[in-house]
Structures are given as C-alpha cells and as structure tokens.
Amino acid sequence: MRLLERIEDARMRPEVLVAFRRALDEVAGASGFPDVEMALLAGMFDRLVPADAEPAPFHELWPQAELFLTTALTVAVSDGRYGVEEARVIGLLASRLGYSVTELAAIETRVFADLRARGRALRGG
C-alpha cells in the first residue's frame, strides 16, 4: 500500500494531519535539496488537510508514530540522498515520539530495503 493510502486509511483528524505535515516540513527543510521533498509533501497533503486547520500538539502523532517515521524517511531520501542533517532531525522527532535509536534503525532498515526493492522493480530487475 502506498504511503498516501496508508495516511488516508489512518483517518487522522485534520489537526493531527497538520502536525504531521509540519514535522515533515522540518525533515524536508533539513535537506540541501528541499524542493523535491517539498513537492512530494504538497502532493501528499494538499487534498487531505483543510486550509484553515490548526496543528495538534506533536505528541498527538504518537498513535501514528511508525507511519510518520516511515513517511519522514521516504521524504528524506526522495532526492536520492539521506544526509546527516536529515538523519539528525528524524532522530530528534523519533525521540520526541518515544522511539529509541534501535527502534528507529529498524524502521530505517525496513524503509530503505522497501525503497531499493521498488527501485529494482521499476528498472525491471
């Protein structure tokens, strides 16, 4: 299932979606090439979030923490790189959600393996 479908299926309140998006903006902003990430975010959230929605407190993302971290990692590598600053921001956000370094590393391993497999499938290999 694609990330946008997973986000839609989570049926988060608009305020939580705004918090989700703003935290992803932090990840995208940490990149040396944020235009790609920002375009990805806009496409994912523009039709889901009402323009006048206020953000929920960040901790309200906790029930969707794994989905959020998976999305953040996907956004971070959408330009083909996973830089130190992006990793630092994601690490801080994961920590705020109660995830340990080990738990985040397991999510990273899974996300990167999935992205590599998708890349191979697109190349026909």
Protein backbone atom coordinates (compact mmCIF):
# COMPACT_ATOMS: atom_id res chain seq x y z
CA MET A 1 0.00 0.00 0.00
CA ARG A 2 1.33 3.42 -0.92
CA LEU A 3 2.14 5.96 1.80
CA LEU A 4 -0.66 8.33 0.89
CA GLU A 5 -3.16 5.46 1.08
CA ARG A 6 -1.78 4.48 4.48
CA ILE A 7 -2.08 8.08 5.68
CA GLU A 8 -5.65 8.29 4.37
CA ASP A 9 -6.53 4.92 5.96
CA ALA A 10 -5.22 6.14 9.34
CA ARG A 11 -8.14 8.61 9.38
CA MET A 12 -6.26 11.21 11.40
CA ARG A 13 -8.05 14.34 12.47
CA PRO A 14 -7.20 17.37 10.31
CA GLU A 15 -5.27 18.93 13.21
CA VAL A 16 -3.11 15.82 13.51
CA LEU A 17 -2.52 15.83 9.76
CA VAL A 18 -1.33 19.45 10.02
CA ALA A 19 1.10 18.46 12.79
CA PHE A 20 2.22 15.51 10.65
CA ARG A 21 2.84 17.82 7.67
CA ARG A 22 4.66 20.47 9.70
CA ALA A 23 7.00 17.88 11.19
CA LEU A 24 7.67 16.56 7.68
CA ASP A 25 8.45 20.13 6.62
CA GLU A 26 11.23 20.09 9.23
CA VAL A 27 12.69 16.98 7.59
CA ALA A 28 12.43 18.45 4.11
CA GLY A 29 13.96 21.71 5.28
CA ALA A 30 16.99 19.85 6.66
CA SER A 31 17.90 18.72 3.16
CA GLY A 32 20.34 20.51 0.94
CA PHE A 33 17.84 19.99 -1.90
CA PRO A 34 14.41 20.63 -0.29
CA ASP A 35 12.46 21.40 -3.49
CA VAL A 36 11.94 17.72 -4.30
CA GLU A 37 10.78 16.91 -0.78
CA MET A 38 8.50 19.97 -0.61
CA ALA A 39 6.80 19.00 -3.89
CA LEU A 40 6.26 15.49 -2.53
CA LEU A 41 4.71 16.87 0.65
CA ALA A 42 2.43 19.25 -1.18
CA GLY A 43 1.11 16.48 -3.37
CA MET A 44 0.52 14.19 -0.41
CA PHE A 45 -1.29 16.59 1.89
CA ASP A 46 -2.97 19.36 -0.09
CA ARG A 47 -6.13 17.38 -0.72
CA LEU A 48 -6.27 15.85 2.79
CA VAL A 49 -5.91 18.91 5.01
CA PRO A 50 -8.34 21.83 5.11
CA ALA A 51 -6.50 25.12 4.61
CA ASP A 52 -7.80 26.55 7.91
CA ALA A 53 -6.85 23.59 10.15
CA GLU A 54 -4.61 24.35 13.13
CA PRO A 55 -1.93 21.84 14.15
CA ALA A 56 -2.43 19.45 17.04
CA PRO A 57 0.39 19.15 19.57
CA PHE A 58 3.21 17.00 18.17
CA HIS A 59 2.68 14.25 20.78
CA GLU A 60 -0.72 13.50 19.21
CA LEU A 61 1.20 11.84 16.37
CA TRP A 62 2.18 9.06 18.77
CA PRO A 63 -0.53 6.60 17.64
CA GLN A 64 0.76 7.04 14.08
CA ALA A 65 4.45 7.28 15.00
CA GLU A 66 5.64 4.41 12.82
CA LEU A 67 3.70 5.73 9.82
CA PHE A 68 5.07 9.20 10.46
CA LEU A 69 8.68 7.97 10.70
CA THR A 70 8.26 5.84 7.57
CA THR A 71 6.93 8.88 5.72
CA ALA A 72 9.68 11.13 7.09
CA LEU A 73 12.37 8.71 5.93
CA THR A 74 10.77 8.42 2.50
CA VAL A 75 10.65 12.20 2.19
CA ALA A 76 14.24 12.49 3.38
CA VAL A 77 15.57 10.20 0.65
CA SER A 78 13.27 11.40 -2.14
CA ASP A 79 16.16 13.42 -3.58
CA GLY A 80 18.39 10.33 -3.64
CA ARG A 81 20.37 11.17 -0.51
CA TYR A 82 19.99 10.72 3.26
CA GLY A 83 22.15 13.42 4.73
CA VAL A 84 23.43 13.83 8.26
CA GLU A 85 21.17 16.80 8.96
CA GLU A 86 18.08 14.91 7.77
CA ALA A 87 19.05 11.93 9.93
CA ARG A 88 19.54 14.24 12.93
CA VAL A 89 16.11 15.84 12.50
CA ILE A 90 14.41 12.46 12.09
CA GLY A 91 16.28 11.15 15.13
CA LEU A 92 15.06 14.07 17.23
CA LEU A 93 11.47 13.63 16.03
CA ALA A 94 11.65 9.88 16.73
CA SER A 95 12.94 10.57 20.22
CA ARG A 96 10.07 13.01 20.84
CA LEU A 97 7.71 10.17 19.89
CA GLY A 98 9.40 7.80 22.35
CA TYR A 99 11.40 5.77 19.83
CA SER A 100 14.88 4.58 20.70
CA VAL A 101 17.83 4.70 18.32
CA THR A 102 17.50 0.93 17.88
CA GLU A 103 13.80 1.17 17.03
CA LEU A 104 14.45 3.95 14.53
CA ALA A 105 17.28 1.94 12.95
CA ALA A 106 14.88 -0.98 12.43
CA ILE A 107 12.41 1.32 10.66
CA GLU A 108 15.23 2.80 8.55
CA THR A 109 16.36 -0.69 7.52
CA ARG A 110 12.83 -1.67 6.52
CA VAL A 111 12.07 1.57 4.65
CA PHE A 112 15.36 1.60 2.75
CA ALA A 113 15.00 -2.08 1.79
CA ASP A 114 11.48 -1.39 0.53
CA LEU A 115 12.63 1.62 -1.49
CA ARG A 116 15.52 -0.38 -3.01
CA ALA A 117 13.09 -3.17 -3.97
CA ARG A 118 10.73 -0.68 -5.59
CA GLY A 119 13.64 0.85 -7.49
CA ARG A 120 14.71 -2.56 -8.79
CA ALA A 121 11.13 -3.36 -9.81
CA LEU A 122 10.87 -0.10 -11.72
CA ARG A 123 14.12 -0.88 -13.54
CA GLY A 124 12.80 -4.32 -14.41
CA GLY A 125 15.31 -6.16 -12.27
